[in-house]
Amino acid sequence: MVRSSESLFLDGPVGRLEALHGTPPLKAQAHGEHPPAAAVVCHPNPAEGGTMHNTVVFRAARALQNAGIPTLRFNFRGVEESEGRHDMAGGEVDDAACALEWLSERYPGTELWAAGFSFGARTACALAAREVRVKRLICVALPVRVFEVPELLEVKQPGYLLFGSKDSFGTLSELAPRFPNLPSQLETDEIEGADHFFRGRTPILEDRIHRYALQSLTKASD
């Protein structure tokens, strides 16, 4: 497989944001310069050392690229070479919006998706709730046990919520009582035995996201 990755900086709301633009391997580039979708992929909590190089984030991005979807991973404000400071005040949603804007300019007319892991899943969810250009949402390990995610009830887009059955930050069985009125267009799934970081199960995670992406693209083309 031939896959390329471009390092770049975005003009973020409080300074430049370090990013990686990943393109699909040649065999998945059936649409050439006009891919079926392009996705922002958000990383976990900066306060806990989360970066765009996190293994789950990398795997999620690769799954999408192998489905023919270019991705943009980026570091939130204050992480590695991104400027600004993480203050737990929600500014990371603005960072994600900046990444979405870059993708919209790079791939005009292309459907835009938002994805994320843990804190990044919360951020992607909040972005989807406020940004109509997001047409599909992918949340990995949404931390429903330890954080409120009220934006989930505001999501109008179709989406995929993937959990690990042994995730101390929240499991699928904990989702229902917290969100009894979960929007019906949100599909749910769980990987048996997986912890929050999907240790030993990241290939399964990558396969599930890849499968979901392909199924979604097939539905869209019907």
Protein backbone atom coordinates (compact mmCIF):
# COMPACT_ATOMS: atom_id res chain seq x y z
CA MET A 1 0.00 0.00 0.00
CA VAL A 2 1.23 3.50 -0.84
CA ARG A 3 -0.03 6.16 1.54
CA SER A 4 1.19 9.72 1.90
CA SER A 5 1.11 12.10 4.83
CA GLU A 6 1.73 15.84 4.71
CA SER A 7 2.83 17.88 7.72
CA LEU A 8 1.43 21.39 7.84
CA PHE A 9 0.28 24.21 10.09
CA LEU A 10 -3.23 25.65 10.25
CA ASP A 11 -4.05 29.25 11.14
CA GLY A 12 -5.92 28.47 14.36
CA PRO A 13 -8.07 30.75 16.51
CA VAL A 14 -5.24 31.41 19.02
CA GLY A 15 -2.19 30.66 16.89
CA ARG A 16 -0.97 28.03 14.49
CA LEU A 17 -2.03 24.41 14.86
CA GLU A 18 0.25 21.52 13.93
CA ALA A 19 -1.48 19.03 11.62
CA LEU A 20 -1.07 15.92 9.47
CA HIS A 21 -3.00 15.52 6.23
CA GLY A 22 -3.32 11.84 5.36
CA THR A 23 -4.39 10.67 1.92
CA PRO A 24 -5.76 7.25 0.91
CA PRO A 25 -3.50 4.55 -0.51
CA LEU A 26 -3.49 4.33 -4.29
CA LYS A 27 -5.81 1.34 -4.42
CA ALA A 28 -8.45 3.27 -2.44
CA GLN A 29 -8.25 6.41 -4.59
CA ALA A 30 -11.05 5.46 -6.94
CA HIS A 31 -12.30 9.03 -6.85
CA GLY A 32 -8.94 10.69 -7.47
CA GLU A 33 -8.96 14.32 -6.38
CA HIS A 34 -12.67 14.07 -5.58
CA PRO A 35 -12.93 11.64 -2.66
CA PRO A 36 -16.36 10.64 -1.31
CA ALA A 37 -15.67 12.31 2.04
CA ALA A 38 -12.91 13.93 4.10
CA ALA A 39 -12.60 13.64 7.88
CA VAL A 40 -11.23 15.64 10.79
CA VAL A 41 -9.88 13.28 13.48
CA CYS A 42 -9.53 14.67 17.03
CA HIS A 43 -7.13 13.39 19.69
CA PRO A 44 -7.63 12.64 23.42
CA ASN A 45 -7.22 14.94 26.42
CA PRO A 46 -4.23 17.31 26.10
CA ALA A 47 -4.02 17.50 29.90
CA GLU A 48 -3.32 13.74 29.96
CA GLY A 49 -0.71 13.79 27.21
CA GLY A 50 -3.04 13.26 24.27
CA THR A 51 -1.70 14.14 20.82
CA MET A 52 -2.54 13.49 17.18
CA HIS A 53 0.03 10.67 17.27
CA ASN A 54 -2.04 8.63 19.75
CA THR A 55 -2.35 5.01 18.57
CA VAL A 56 -6.16 4.97 18.51
CA VAL A 57 -6.26 8.25 16.58
CA PHE A 58 -3.71 6.92 14.11
CA ARG A 59 -5.67 3.69 13.66
CA ALA A 60 -8.96 5.55 13.17
CA ALA A 61 -7.40 7.83 10.59
CA ARG A 62 -5.84 4.89 8.74
CA ALA A 63 -9.16 3.05 8.70
CA LEU A 64 -10.80 6.04 7.03
CA GLN A 65 -7.94 6.49 4.56
CA ASN A 66 -8.18 2.84 3.55
CA ALA A 67 -11.86 3.47 2.80
CA GLY A 68 -10.82 6.24 0.40
CA ILE A 69 -11.33 9.15 2.81
CA PRO A 70 -8.57 11.75 3.33
CA THR A 71 -8.06 12.75 6.95
CA LEU A 72 -6.73 15.69 8.89
CA ARG A 73 -5.28 14.96 12.31
CA PHE A 74 -4.13 17.97 14.29
CA ASN A 75 -2.81 18.92 17.70
CA PHE A 76 -5.13 20.99 19.86
CA ARG A 77 -3.89 24.35 21.17
CA GLY A 78 -0.88 24.05 23.45
CA VAL A 79 0.01 20.51 22.33
CA GLU A 80 3.51 19.90 20.94
CA GLU A 81 4.04 22.55 18.22
CA SER A 82 0.51 23.98 18.32
CA GLU A 83 0.35 27.45 19.81
CA GLY A 84 -1.98 28.64 22.55
CA ARG A 85 -2.89 26.97 25.81
CA HIS A 86 -5.32 24.20 26.78
CA ASP A 87 -7.63 25.74 29.41
CA MET A 88 -10.55 23.25 29.65
CA ALA A 89 -12.86 26.02 28.42
CA GLY A 90 -13.98 24.38 25.19
CA GLY A 91 -11.68 26.22 22.80
CA GLU A 92 -10.69 22.91 21.24
CA VAL A 93 -14.03 22.86 19.41
CA ASP A 94 -12.90 26.06 17.70
CA ASP A 95 -9.63 24.32 16.81
CA ALA A 96 -11.60 21.45 15.27
CA ALA A 97 -13.73 23.94 13.33
CA CYS A 98 -10.53 25.41 11.93
CA ALA A 99 -9.43 21.94 10.80
CA LEU A 100 -12.84 21.38 9.20
CA GLU A 101 -12.50 24.66 7.32
CA TRP A 102 -9.09 23.59 5.97
CA LEU A 103 -10.60 20.35 4.67
CA SER A 104 -13.52 22.19 3.07
CA GLU A 105 -11.06 24.40 1.18
CA ARG A 106 -8.79 21.49 0.24
CA TYR A 107 -11.71 19.35 -0.97
CA PRO A 108 -14.45 21.76 -2.12
CA GLY A 109 -17.85 20.14 -2.48
CA THR A 110 -16.75 17.01 -0.61
CA GLU A 111 -18.79 15.64 2.29
CA LEU A 112 -17.12 16.38 5.63
CA TRP A 113 -16.97 13.99 8.60
CA ALA A 114 -15.87 14.50 12.20
CA ALA A 115 -14.23 11.76 14.26
CA GLY A 116 -12.45 11.56 17.58
CA PHE A 117 -11.23 9.44 20.45
CA SER A 118 -12.15 10.06 24.13
CA PHE A 119 -11.84 13.83 24.73
CA GLY A 120 -11.55 14.06 20.96
CA ALA A 121 -14.86 12.22 20.60
CA ARG A 122 -16.51 14.79 22.89
CA THR A 123 -14.98 17.54 20.77
CA ALA A 124 -16.12 15.96 17.50
CA CYS A 125 -19.60 15.57 18.96
CA ALA A 126 -19.73 19.25 19.96
CA LEU A 127 -18.47 20.23 16.50
CA ALA A 128 -21.17 18.16 14.80
CA ALA A 129 -23.86 19.66 17.02
CA ARG A 130 -22.99 23.20 15.94
CA GLU A 131 -21.65 22.69 12.41
CA VAL A 132 -24.09 21.65 9.67
CA ARG A 133 -21.23 20.95 7.28
CA VAL A 134 -20.41 17.84 9.30
CA LYS A 135 -22.38 15.10 7.60
CA ARG A 136 -21.25 12.11 9.65
CA LEU A 137 -19.84 11.57 13.15
CA ILE A 138 -17.56 8.83 14.51
CA CYS A 139 -16.98 8.72 18.28
CA VAL A 140 -14.53 6.22 19.76
CA ALA A 141 -14.65 5.68 23.54
CA LEU A 142 -16.94 8.59 24.27
CA PRO A 143 -16.31 9.03 28.04
CA VAL A 144 -19.96 8.98 29.16
CA ARG A 145 -19.18 7.71 32.67
CA VAL A 146 -16.92 10.56 33.70
CA PHE A 147 -18.13 13.52 31.60
CA GLU A 148 -21.43 14.97 30.54
CA VAL A 149 -21.86 15.12 26.77
CA PRO A 150 -25.13 17.05 26.31
CA GLU A 151 -24.26 17.84 22.68
CA LEU A 152 -24.93 14.19 21.82
CA LEU A 153 -28.67 14.87 22.00
CA GLU A 154 -28.26 17.77 19.59
CA VAL A 155 -26.55 15.73 16.88
CA LYS A 156 -28.68 15.52 13.73
CA GLN A 157 -26.14 13.70 11.58
CA PRO A 158 -25.82 9.92 11.26
CA GLY A 159 -22.97 8.54 13.31
CA TYR A 160 -21.17 5.62 14.90
CA LEU A 161 -20.39 5.27 18.62
CA LEU A 162 -17.76 2.61 19.36
CA PHE A 163 -16.98 1.50 22.92
CA GLY A 164 -14.80 -1.02 24.71
CA SER A 165 -16.67 -3.33 27.09
CA LYS A 166 -14.06 -2.80 29.84
CA ASP A 167 -13.60 0.94 29.39
CA SER A 168 -13.40 2.63 32.80
CA PHE A 169 -14.49 5.91 31.18
CA GLY A 170 -17.77 4.53 29.86
CA THR A 171 -19.26 1.49 28.13
CA LEU A 172 -22.17 0.84 25.83
CA SER A 173 -24.27 -0.43 28.76
CA GLU A 174 -23.73 2.93 30.49
CA LEU A 175 -24.77 4.91 27.45
CA ALA A 176 -28.47 3.99 27.47
CA PRO A 177 -29.38 5.13 31.01
CA ARG A 178 -27.55 8.40 30.45
CA PHE A 179 -29.08 8.96 27.01
CA PRO A 180 -32.47 7.20 26.95
CA ASN A 181 -33.46 9.42 24.02
CA LEU A 182 -30.34 8.83 21.98
CA PRO A 183 -30.94 10.00 18.38
CA SER A 184 -31.92 6.97 16.31
CA GLN A 185 -29.49 7.74 13.50
CA LEU A 186 -26.55 7.06 15.81
CA GLU A 187 -25.35 3.46 15.53
CA THR A 188 -23.66 1.86 18.53
CA ASP A 189 -21.06 -0.90 18.76
CA GLU A 190 -18.73 -2.40 21.35
CA ILE A 191 -15.50 -4.39 21.27
CA GLU A 192 -15.57 -7.15 23.86
CA GLY A 193 -12.79 -7.00 26.43
CA ALA A 194 -11.37 -3.68 25.23
CA ASP A 195 -10.24 -1.05 27.74
CA HIS A 196 -10.25 2.69 27.13
CA PHE A 197 -7.14 2.54 24.95
CA PHE A 198 -8.16 -0.69 23.17
CA ARG A 199 -4.89 -2.32 24.19
CA GLY A 200 -4.40 -5.50 22.19
CA ARG A 201 -7.52 -4.75 20.17
CA THR A 202 -6.57 -1.82 17.97
CA PRO A 203 -6.66 -3.98 14.81
CA ILE A 204 -10.30 -4.82 15.63
CA LEU A 205 -11.02 -1.13 16.21
CA GLU A 206 -9.47 -0.22 12.86
CA ASP A 207 -11.49 -2.92 11.11
CA ARG A 208 -14.78 -1.77 12.67
CA ILE A 209 -14.24 1.86 11.64
CA HIS A 210 -13.15 0.85 8.15
CA ARG A 211 -16.22 -1.34 7.77
CA TYR A 212 -18.53 1.41 9.02
CA ALA A 213 -16.99 3.93 6.62
CA LEU A 214 -17.38 1.62 3.62
CA GLN A 215 -20.98 0.80 4.52
CA SER A 216 -21.76 4.51 4.92
CA LEU A 217 -20.25 5.35 1.56
CA THR A 218 -22.15 2.52 -0.10
CA LYS A 219 -25.45 3.81 1.34
CA ALA A 220 -24.65 7.32 0.16
CA SER A 221 -24.02 6.13 -3.40
CA ASP A 222 -27.20 4.03 -3.66
